[in-house]
């Protein structure tokens, strides 16, 4: 009985580690694509991911980069609306 129990738990742990590895690989692939849509696709596939905070940071960084590239009042104000407590608030205020 104990051997069956140990085999069951061993199999379960092996399965869980394989899932984590797939999630890790998917996260690395999404980040490597340098796009919000890749991050969004990752989040759709892994909604309860441990990378949720990292994904939010990545998305804000991409938005900020795009905002700086466009360099318009509209895009700076849109950044403020999308990220009211964002990392780059002070820089946005300076540029406006």
PDB file of N, CA and C in Angstrom:
ATOM      1  N   UNK A   1       0.823  -1.198   0.000  1.00  0.00           N
ATOM      2  CA  UNK A   1       0.000   0.000   0.000  1.00  0.00           C
ATOM      3  C   UNK A   1       0.864   1.258   0.000  1.00  0.00           C
ATOM      4  N   UNK A   2       1.903   1.268   0.816  1.00  0.00           N
ATOM      5  CA  UNK A   2       2.785   2.432   0.915  1.00  0.00           C
ATOM      6  C   UNK A   2       3.508   2.654  -0.413  1.00  0.00           C
ATOM      7  N   UNK A   3       3.902   1.593  -1.064  1.00  0.00           N
ATOM      8  CA  UNK A   3       4.605   1.720  -2.342  1.00  0.00           C
ATOM      9  C   UNK A   3       3.691   2.335  -3.393  1.00  0.00           C
ATOM     10  N   UNK A   4       2.432   1.907  -3.436  1.00  0.00           N
ATOM     11  CA  UNK A   4       1.483   2.500  -4.388  1.00  0.00           C
ATOM     12  C   UNK A   4       1.307   3.990  -4.114  1.00  0.00           C
ATOM     13  N   UNK A   5       1.222   4.345  -2.827  1.00  0.00           N
ATOM     14  CA  UNK A   5       1.069   5.738  -2.423  1.00  0.00           C
ATOM     15  C   UNK A   5       2.284   6.557  -2.852  1.00  0.00           C
ATOM     16  N   UNK A   6       3.465   6.046  -2.625  1.00  0.00           N
ATOM     17  CA  UNK A   6       4.691   6.747  -3.013  1.00  0.00           C
ATOM     18  C   UNK A   6       4.799   6.886  -4.535  1.00  0.00           C
ATOM     19  N   UNK A   7       4.431   5.849  -5.257  1.00  0.00           N
ATOM     20  CA  UNK A   7       4.458   5.913  -6.721  1.00  0.00           C
ATOM     21  C   UNK A   7       3.468   6.946  -7.246  1.00  0.00           C
ATOM     22  N   UNK A   8       2.290   7.005  -6.637  1.00  0.00           N
ATOM     23  CA  UNK A   8       1.278   7.976  -7.038  1.00  0.00           C
ATOM     24  C   UNK A   8       1.790   9.400  -6.820  1.00  0.00           C
ATOM     25  N   UNK A   9       2.352   9.682  -5.634  1.00  0.00           N
ATOM     26  CA  UNK A   9       2.878  11.017  -5.343  1.00  0.00           C
ATOM     27  C   UNK A   9       4.073  11.350  -6.222  1.00  0.00           C
ATOM     28  N   UNK A  10       4.916  10.370  -6.470  1.00  0.00           N
ATOM     29  CA  UNK A  10       6.071  10.589  -7.354  1.00  0.00           C
ATOM     30  C   UNK A  10       5.623  10.952  -8.758  1.00  0.00           C
ATOM     31  N   UNK A  11       4.619  10.265  -9.247  1.00  0.00           N
ATOM     32  CA  UNK A  11       4.080  10.557 -10.578  1.00  0.00           C
ATOM     33  C   UNK A  11       3.454  11.940 -10.630  1.00  0.00           C
ATOM     34  N   UNK A  12       2.733  12.278  -9.560  1.00  0.00           N
ATOM     35  CA  UNK A  12       2.089  13.591  -9.490  1.00  0.00           C
ATOM     36  C   UNK A  12       3.132  14.709  -9.467  1.00  0.00           C
ATOM     37  N   UNK A  13       4.164  14.548  -8.681  1.00  0.00           N
ATOM     38  CA  UNK A  13       5.232  15.554  -8.621  1.00  0.00           C
ATOM     39  C   UNK A  13       5.937  15.693  -9.963  1.00  0.00           C
ATOM     40  N   UNK A  14       6.172  14.599 -10.618  1.00  0.00           N
ATOM     41  CA  UNK A  14       6.806  14.631 -11.937  1.00  0.00           C
ATOM     42  C   UNK A  14       5.928  15.381 -12.927  1.00  0.00           C
ATOM     43  N   UNK A  15       4.636  15.119 -12.897  1.00  0.00           N
ATOM     44  CA  UNK A  15       3.698  15.803 -13.784  1.00  0.00           C
ATOM     45  C   UNK A  15       3.666  17.304 -13.494  1.00  0.00           C
ATOM     46  N   UNK A  16       3.628  17.672 -12.221  1.00  0.00           N
ATOM     47  CA  UNK A  16       3.606  19.090 -11.862  1.00  0.00           C
ATOM     48  C   UNK A  16       4.878  19.804 -12.287  1.00  0.00           C
ATOM     49  N   UNK A  17       6.010  19.181 -12.141  1.00  0.00           N
ATOM     50  CA  UNK A  17       7.266  19.826 -12.543  1.00  0.00           C
ATOM     51  C   UNK A  17       7.316  19.995 -14.059  1.00  0.00           C
ATOM     52  N   UNK A  18       6.744  19.067 -14.802  1.00  0.00           N
ATOM     53  CA  UNK A  18       6.699  19.203 -16.260  1.00  0.00           C
ATOM     54  C   UNK A  18       5.829  20.390 -16.652  1.00  0.00           C
ATOM     55  N   UNK A  19       4.710  20.593 -15.954  1.00  0.00           N
ATOM     56  CA  UNK A  19       3.840  21.731 -16.229  1.00  0.00           C
ATOM     57  C   UNK A  19       4.556  23.042 -15.929  1.00  0.00           C
ATOM     58  N   UNK A  20       5.273  23.099 -14.842  1.00  0.00           N
ATOM     59  CA  UNK A  20       6.002  24.306 -14.500  1.00  0.00           C
ATOM     60  C   UNK A  20       7.059  24.606 -15.555  1.00  0.00           C
ATOM     61  N   UNK A  21       7.718  23.581 -16.030  1.00  0.00           N
ATOM     62  CA  UNK A  21       8.726  23.789 -17.059  1.00  0.00           C
ATOM     63  C   UNK A  21       8.112  24.339 -18.337  1.00  0.00           C
ATOM     64  N   UNK A  22       6.938  23.847 -18.696  1.00  0.00           N
ATOM     65  CA  UNK A  22       6.255  24.355 -19.886  1.00  0.00           C
ATOM     66  C   UNK A  22       5.870  25.820 -19.699  1.00  0.00           C
ATOM     67  N   UNK A  23       5.406  26.162 -18.510  1.00  0.00           N
ATOM     68  CA  UNK A  23       5.044  27.544 -18.224  1.00  0.00           C
ATOM     69  C   UNK A  23       6.284  28.439 -18.291  1.00  0.00           C
ATOM     70  N   UNK A  24       7.374  27.959 -17.722  1.00  0.00           N
ATOM     71  CA  UNK A  24       8.620  28.730 -17.760  1.00  0.00           C
ATOM     72  C   UNK A  24       9.075  28.966 -19.198  1.00  0.00           C
ATOM     73  N   UNK A  25       9.013  27.933 -19.998  1.00  0.00           N
ATOM     74  CA  UNK A  25       9.407  28.057 -21.403  1.00  0.00           C
ATOM     75  C   UNK A  25       8.486  29.025 -22.148  1.00  0.00           C
ATOM     76  N   UNK A  26       7.204  28.941 -21.865  1.00  0.00           N
ATOM     77  CA  UNK A  26       6.240  29.827 -22.520  1.00  0.00           C
ATOM     78  C   UNK A  26       6.483  31.275 -22.107  1.00  0.00           C
ATOM     79  N   UNK A  27       6.818  31.502 -20.839  1.00  0.00           N
ATOM     80  CA  UNK A  27       7.105  32.855 -20.372  1.00  0.00           C
ATOM     81  C   UNK A  27       8.347  33.410 -21.070  1.00  0.00           C
ATOM     82  N   UNK A  28       9.393  32.605 -21.117  1.00  0.00           N
ATOM     83  CA  UNK A  28      10.618  33.044 -21.784  1.00  0.00           C
ATOM     84  C   UNK A  28      10.361  33.376 -23.252  1.00  0.00           C
ATOM     85  N   UNK A  29       9.558  32.566 -23.912  1.00  0.00           N
ATOM     86  CA  UNK A  29       9.234  32.807 -25.317  1.00  0.00           C
ATOM     87  C   UNK A  29       8.423  34.089 -25.478  1.00  0.00           C
ATOM     88  N   UNK A  30       7.480  34.326 -24.582  1.00  0.00           N
ATOM     89  CA  UNK A  30       6.654  35.534 -24.661  1.00  0.00           C
ATOM     90  C   UNK A  30       7.508  36.781 -24.463  1.00  0.00           C
ATOM     91  N   UNK A  31       8.389  36.750 -23.478  1.00  0.00           N
ATOM     92  CA  UNK A  31       9.258  37.902 -23.220  1.00  0.00           C
ATOM     93  C   UNK A  31      10.198  38.139 -24.393  1.00  0.00           C
ATOM     94  N   UNK A  32      10.696  37.073 -24.979  1.00  0.00           N
ATOM     95  CA  UNK A  32      11.628  37.191 -26.106  1.00  0.00           C
ATOM     96  C   UNK A  32      10.990  37.865 -27.314  1.00  0.00           C
ATOM     97  N   UNK A  33       9.672  37.801 -27.421  1.00  0.00           N
ATOM     98  CA  UNK A  33       8.975  38.410 -28.565  1.00  0.00           C
ATOM     99  C   UNK A  33       8.837  39.921 -28.433  1.00  0.00           C
ATOM    100  N   UNK A  34       9.087  40.463 -27.238  1.00  0.00           N
ATOM    101  CA  UNK A  34       9.041  41.912 -27.011  1.00  0.00           C
ATOM    102  C   UNK A  34       7.744  42.549 -27.498  1.00  0.00           C
ATOM    103  N   UNK A  35       6.634  41.963 -27.126  1.00  0.00           N
ATOM    104  CA  UNK A  35       5.354  42.552 -27.541  1.00  0.00           C
ATOM    105  C   UNK A  35       4.280  42.317 -26.488  1.00  0.00           C
ATOM    106  N   UNK A  36       3.388  43.282 -26.413  1.00  0.00           N
ATOM    107  CA  UNK A  36       2.260  43.163 -25.493  1.00  0.00           C
ATOM    108  C   UNK A  36       1.380  41.990 -25.874  1.00  0.00           C
ATOM    109  N   UNK A  37       1.192  41.777 -27.173  1.00  0.00           N
ATOM    110  CA  UNK A  37       0.317  40.679 -27.596  1.00  0.00           C
ATOM    111  C   UNK A  37       0.883  39.319 -27.185  1.00  0.00           C
ATOM    112  N   UNK A  38       2.206  39.168 -27.179  1.00  0.00           N
ATOM    113  CA  UNK A  38       2.804  37.905 -26.728  1.00  0.00           C
ATOM    114  C   UNK A  38       2.565  37.704 -25.242  1.00  0.00           C
ATOM    115  N   UNK A  39       2.681  38.782 -24.469  1.00  0.00           N
ATOM    116  CA  UNK A  39       2.424  38.695 -23.027  1.00  0.00           C
ATOM    117  C   UNK A  39       0.948  38.374 -22.793  1.00  0.00           C
ATOM    118  N   UNK A  40       0.058  39.037 -23.533  1.00  0.00           N
ATOM    119  CA  UNK A  40      -1.381  38.768 -23.394  1.00  0.00           C
ATOM    120  C   UNK A  40      -1.717  37.325 -23.746  1.00  0.00           C
ATOM    121  N   UNK A  41      -1.107  36.802 -24.793  1.00  0.00           N
ATOM    122  CA  UNK A  41      -1.338  35.400 -25.168  1.00  0.00           C
ATOM    123  C   UNK A  41      -0.877  34.455 -24.062  1.00  0.00           C
ATOM    124  N   UNK A  42       0.281  34.766 -23.497  1.00  0.00           N
ATOM    125  CA  UNK A  42       0.771  33.964 -22.376  1.00  0.00           C
ATOM    126  C   UNK A  42      -0.223  33.985 -21.220  1.00  0.00           C
ATOM    127  N   UNK A  43      -0.729  35.164 -20.886  1.00  0.00           N
ATOM    128  CA  UNK A  43      -1.671  35.296 -19.767  1.00  0.00           C
ATOM    129  C   UNK A  43      -2.983  34.570 -20.036  1.00  0.00           C
ATOM    130  N   UNK A  44      -3.392  34.512 -21.281  1.00  0.00           N
ATOM    131  CA  UNK A  44      -4.600  33.749 -21.615  1.00  0.00           C
ATOM    132  C   UNK A  44      -4.391  32.260 -21.371  1.00  0.00           C
ATOM    133  N   UNK A  45      -3.202  31.794 -21.706  1.00  0.00           N
ATOM    134  CA  UNK A  45      -2.916  30.372 -21.543  1.00  0.00           C
ATOM    135  C   UNK A  45      -2.637  30.018 -20.079  1.00  0.00           C
ATOM    136  N   UNK A  46      -2.039  30.945 -19.343  1.00  0.00           N
ATOM    137  CA  UNK A  46      -1.685  30.714 -17.940  1.00  0.00           C
ATOM    138  C   UNK A  46      -2.254  31.840 -17.074  1.00  0.00           C
ATOM    139  N   UNK A  47      -3.564  31.869 -16.879  1.00  0.00           N
ATOM    140  CA  UNK A  47      -4.185  32.989 -16.150  1.00  0.00           C
ATOM    141  C   UNK A  47      -3.774  33.085 -14.681  1.00  0.00           C
ATOM    142  N   UNK A  48      -3.390  31.987 -14.072  1.00  0.00           N
ATOM    143  CA  UNK A  48      -2.986  31.992 -12.662  1.00  0.00           C
ATOM    144  C   UNK A  48      -1.469  31.866 -12.517  1.00  0.00           C
ATOM    145  N   UNK A  49      -0.758  32.396 -13.467  1.00  0.00           N
ATOM    146  CA  UNK A  49       0.693  32.249 -13.504  1.00  0.00           C
ATOM    147  C   UNK A  49       1.395  32.964 -12.359  1.00  0.00           C
ATOM    148  N   UNK A  50       2.532  32.440 -12.009  1.00  0.00           N
ATOM    149  CA  UNK A  50       3.365  33.118 -11.008  1.00  0.00           C
ATOM    150  C   UNK A  50       4.085  34.307 -11.635  1.00  0.00           C
ATOM    151  N   UNK A  51       3.993  34.448 -12.949  1.00  0.00           N
ATOM    152  CA  UNK A  51       4.627  35.556 -13.663  1.00  0.00           C
ATOM    153  C   UNK A  51       3.684  36.745 -13.858  1.00  0.00           C
ATOM    154  N   UNK A  52       2.566  36.763 -13.182  1.00  0.00           N
ATOM    155  CA  UNK A  52       1.569  37.820 -13.380  1.00  0.00           C
ATOM    156  C   UNK A  52       2.153  39.216 -13.126  1.00  0.00           C
ATOM    157  N   UNK A  53       2.899  39.373 -12.037  1.00  0.00           N
ATOM    158  CA  UNK A  53       3.493  40.684 -11.739  1.00  0.00           C
ATOM    159  C   UNK A  53       4.544  41.061 -12.781  1.00  0.00           C
ATOM    160  N   UNK A  54       5.340  40.081 -13.180  1.00  0.00           N
ATOM    161  CA  UNK A  54       6.337  40.332 -14.220  1.00  0.00           C
ATOM    162  C   UNK A  54       5.670  40.725 -15.535  1.00  0.00           C
ATOM    163  N   UNK A  55       4.546  40.083 -15.833  1.00  0.00           N
ATOM    164  CA  UNK A  55       3.811  40.398 -17.054  1.00  0.00           C
ATOM    165  C   UNK A  55       3.303  41.831 -17.018  1.00  0.00           C
ATOM    166  N   UNK A  56       2.796  42.255 -15.874  1.00  0.00           N
ATOM    167  CA  UNK A  56       2.309  43.634 -15.744  1.00  0.00           C
ATOM    168  C   UNK A  56       3.447  44.627 -15.942  1.00  0.00           C
ATOM    169  N   UNK A  57       4.600  44.326 -15.399  1.00  0.00           N
ATOM    170  CA  UNK A  57       5.768  45.205 -15.571  1.00  0.00           C
ATOM    171  C   UNK A  57       6.181  45.252 -17.035  1.00  0.00           C
ATOM    172  N   UNK A  58       6.224  44.101 -17.672  1.00  0.00           N
ATOM    173  CA  UNK A  58       6.604  44.048 -19.091  1.00  0.00           C
ATOM    174  C   UNK A  58       5.632  44.859 -19.949  1.00  0.00           C
ATOM    175  N   UNK A  59       4.342  44.690 -19.686  1.00  0.00           N
ATOM    176  CA  UNK A  59       3.343  45.413 -20.484  1.00  0.00           C
ATOM    177  C   UNK A  59       3.482  46.919 -20.294  1.00  0.00           C
ATOM    178  N   UNK A  60       3.728  47.348 -19.064  1.00  0.00           N
ATOM    179  CA  UNK A  60       3.909  48.781 -18.841  1.00  0.00           C
ATOM    180  C   UNK A  60       5.173  49.282 -19.534  1.00  0.00           C
ATOM    181  N   UNK A  61       6.237  48.514 -19.460  1.00  0.00           N
ATOM    182  CA  UNK A  61       7.474  48.917 -20.135  1.00  0.00           C
ATOM    183  C   UNK A  61       7.273  49.039 -21.645  1.00  0.00           C
ATOM    184  N   UNK A  62       6.546  48.089 -22.228  1.00  0.00           N
ATOM    185  CA  UNK A  62       6.271  48.171 -23.667  1.00  0.00           C
ATOM    186  C   UNK A  62       5.433  49.408 -23.980  1.00  0.00           C
ATOM    187  N   UNK A  63       4.440  49.677 -23.143  1.00  0.00           N
ATOM    188  CA  UNK A  63       3.583  50.851 -23.352  1.00  0.00           C
ATOM    189  C   UNK A  63       4.403  52.127 -23.242  1.00  0.00           C
ATOM    190  N   UNK A  64       5.292  52.184 -22.282  1.00  0.00           N
ATOM    191  CA  UNK A  64       6.126  53.374 -22.110  1.00  0.00           C
ATOM    192  C   UNK A  64       7.057  53.571 -23.301  1.00  0.00           C
ATOM    193  N   UNK A  65       7.651  52.501 -23.768  1.00  0.00           N
ATOM    194  CA  UNK A  65       8.535  52.593 -24.937  1.00  0.00           C
ATOM    195  C   UNK A  65       7.760  53.121 -26.144  1.00  0.00           C
ATOM    196  N   UNK A  66       6.576  52.581 -26.371  1.00  0.00           N
ATOM    197  CA  UNK A  66       5.752  53.035 -27.503  1.00  0.00           C
ATOM    198  C   UNK A  66       5.349  54.496 -27.333  1.00  0.00           C
ATOM    199  N   UNK A  67       5.029  54.880 -26.105  1.00  0.00           N
ATOM    200  CA  UNK A  67       4.648  56.267 -25.819  1.00  0.00           C
ATOM    201  C   UNK A  67       5.800  57.214 -26.137  1.00  0.00           C
ATOM    202  N   UNK A  68       6.993  56.850 -25.700  1.00  0.00           N
ATOM    203  CA  UNK A  68       8.158  57.698 -25.977  1.00  0.00           C
ATOM    204  C   UNK A  68       8.442  57.790 -27.475  1.00  0.00           C
ATOM    205  N   UNK A  69       8.249  56.688 -28.176  1.00  0.00           N
ATOM    206  CA  UNK A  69       8.502  56.681 -29.622  1.00  0.00           C
ATOM    207  C   UNK A  69       7.522  57.598 -30.347  1.00  0.00           C
ATOM    208  N   UNK A  70       6.272  57.587 -29.919  1.00  0.00           N
ATOM    209  CA  UNK A  70       5.255  58.417 -30.580  1.00  0.00           C
ATOM    210  C   UNK A  70       5.374  59.869 -30.142  1.00  0.00           C
ATOM    211  N   UNK A  71       5.739  60.091 -28.881  1.00  0.00           N
ATOM    212  CA  UNK A  71       6.069  61.417 -28.377  1.00  0.00           C
ATOM    213  C   UNK A  71       4.995  62.473 -28.667  1.00  0.00           C
ATOM    214  N   UNK A  72       3.747  62.123 -28.362  1.00  0.00           N
ATOM    215  CA  UNK A  72       2.652  63.075 -28.546  1.00  0.00           C
ATOM    216  C   UNK A  72       1.915  63.263 -27.229  1.00  0.00           C
ATOM    217  N   UNK A  73       1.260  64.392 -27.083  1.00  0.00           N
ATOM    218  CA  UNK A  73       0.473  64.663 -25.881  1.00  0.00           C
ATOM    219  C   UNK A  73      -0.574  63.564 -25.695  1.00  0.00           C
ATOM    220  N   UNK A  74      -1.227  63.189 -26.790  1.00  0.00           N
ATOM    221  CA  UNK A  74      -2.250  62.143 -26.723  1.00  0.00           C
ATOM    222  C   UNK A  74      -1.681  60.868 -26.089  1.00  0.00           C
ATOM    223  N   UNK A  75      -0.541  60.410 -26.560  1.00  0.00           N
ATOM    224  CA  UNK A  75       0.015  59.152 -26.063  1.00  0.00           C
ATOM    225  C   UNK A  75       0.497  59.265 -24.617  1.00  0.00           C
ATOM    226  N   UNK A  76       1.020  60.429 -24.226  1.00  0.00           N
ATOM    227  CA  UNK A  76       1.408  60.601 -22.823  1.00  0.00           C
ATOM    228  C   UNK A  76       0.175  60.576 -21.922  1.00  0.00           C
ATOM    229  N   UNK A  77      -0.894  61.226 -22.356  1.00  0.00           N
ATOM    230  CA  UNK A  77      -2.122  61.210 -21.560  1.00  0.00           C
ATOM    231  C   UNK A  77      -2.735  59.809 -21.517  1.00  0.00           C
ATOM    232  N   UNK A  78      -2.641  59.094 -22.622  1.00  0.00           N
ATOM    233  CA  UNK A  78      -3.138  57.713 -22.642  1.00  0.00           C
ATOM    234  C   UNK A  78      -2.348  56.846 -21.673  1.00  0.00           C
ATOM    235  N   UNK A  79      -1.045  57.052 -21.632  1.00  0.00           N
ATOM    236  CA  UNK A  79      -0.231  56.309 -20.658  1.00  0.00           C
ATOM    237  C   UNK A  79      -0.729  56.595 -19.242  1.00  0.00           C
ATOM    238  N   UNK A  80      -0.994  57.862 -18.939  1.00  0.00           N
ATOM    239  CA  UNK A  80      -1.478  58.223 -17.604  1.00  0.00           C
ATOM    240  C   UNK A  80      -2.809  57.553 -17.276  1.00  0.00           C
ATOM    241  N   UNK A  81      -3.664  57.439 -18.270  1.00  0.00           N
ATOM    242  CA  UNK A  81      -4.960  56.777 -18.063  1.00  0.00           C
ATOM    243  C   UNK A  81      -4.766  55.274 -17.863  1.00  0.00           C
ATOM    244  N   UNK A  82      -3.922  54.674 -18.697  1.00  0.00           N
ATOM    245  CA  UNK A  82      -3.707  53.227 -18.617  1.00  0.00           C
ATOM    246  C   UNK A  82      -2.911  52.812 -17.383  1.00  0.00           C
ATOM    247  N   UNK A  83      -2.008  53.682 -16.921  1.00  0.00           N
ATOM    248  CA  UNK A  83      -1.138  53.361 -15.789  1.00  0.00           C
ATOM    249  C   UNK A  83      -1.121  54.527 -14.801  1.00  0.00           C
ATOM    250  N   UNK A  84      -2.230  54.765 -14.103  1.00  0.00           N
ATOM    251  CA  UNK A  84      -2.320  55.925 -13.213  1.00  0.00           C
ATOM    252  C   UNK A  84      -1.313  55.906 -12.061  1.00  0.00           C
ATOM    253  N   UNK A  85      -0.806  54.746 -11.720  1.00  0.00           N
ATOM    254  CA  UNK A  85       0.234  54.644 -10.686  1.00  0.00           C
ATOM    255  C   UNK A  85       1.516  54.090 -11.290  1.00  0.00           C
ATOM    256  N   UNK A  86       1.713  54.375 -12.554  1.00  0.00           N
ATOM    257  CA  UNK A  86       2.818  53.784 -13.299  1.00  0.00           C
ATOM    258  C   UNK A  86       4.200  54.220 -12.866  1.00  0.00           C
ATOM    259  N   UNK A  87       5.157  53.455 -13.289  1.00  0.00           N
ATOM    260  CA  UNK A  87       6.559  53.686 -12.980  1.00  0.00           C
ATOM    261  C   UNK A  87       7.070  54.990 -13.571  1.00  0.00           C
ATOM    262  N   UNK A  88       6.529  55.374 -14.716  1.00  0.00           N
ATOM    263  CA  UNK A  88       7.078  56.508 -15.466  1.00  0.00           C
ATOM    264  C   UNK A  88       6.240  57.779 -15.337  1.00  0.00           C
ATOM    265  N   UNK A  89       5.411  57.869 -14.324  1.00  0.00           N
ATOM    266  CA  UNK A  89       4.512  59.013 -14.131  1.00  0.00           C
ATOM    267  C   UNK A  89       5.289  60.330 -14.092  1.00  0.00           C
ATOM    268  N   UNK A  90       6.364  60.364 -13.324  1.00  0.00           N
ATOM    269  CA  UNK A  90       7.131  61.612 -13.204  1.00  0.00           C
ATOM    270  C   UNK A  90       7.692  62.056 -14.548  1.00  0.00           C
ATOM    271  N   UNK A  91       8.191  61.105 -15.314  1.00  0.00           N
ATOM    272  CA  UNK A  91       8.750  61.444 -16.628  1.00  0.00           C
ATOM    273  C   UNK A  91       7.651  61.910 -17.577  1.00  0.00           C
ATOM    274  N   UNK A  92       6.492  61.296 -17.497  1.00  0.00           N
ATOM    275  CA  UNK A  92       5.366  61.732 -18.320  1.00  0.00           C
ATOM    276  C   UNK A  92       5.006  63.190 -17.980  1.00  0.00           C
ATOM    277  N   UNK A  93       4.920  63.467 -16.694  1.00  0.00           N
ATOM    278  CA  UNK A  93       4.580  64.844 -16.279  1.00  0.00           C
ATOM    279  C   UNK A  93       5.601  65.839 -16.799  1.00  0.00           C
ATOM    280  N   UNK A  94       6.870  65.504 -16.745  1.00  0.00           N
ATOM    281  CA  UNK A  94       7.920  66.388 -17.261  1.00  0.00           C
ATOM    282  C   UNK A  94       7.750  66.616 -18.760  1.00  0.00           C
ATOM    283  N   UNK A  95       7.447  65.559 -19.492  1.00  0.00           N
ATOM    284  CA  UNK A  95       7.322  65.681 -20.946  1.00  0.00           C
ATOM    285  C   UNK A  95       6.075  66.445 -21.363  1.00  0.00           C
ATOM    286  N   UNK A  96       5.022  66.338 -20.562  1.00  0.00           N
ATOM    287  CA  UNK A  96       3.813  67.092 -20.871  1.00  0.00           C
ATOM    288  C   UNK A  96       4.035  68.573 -20.592  1.00  0.00           C
TER     289      UNK A  96
END
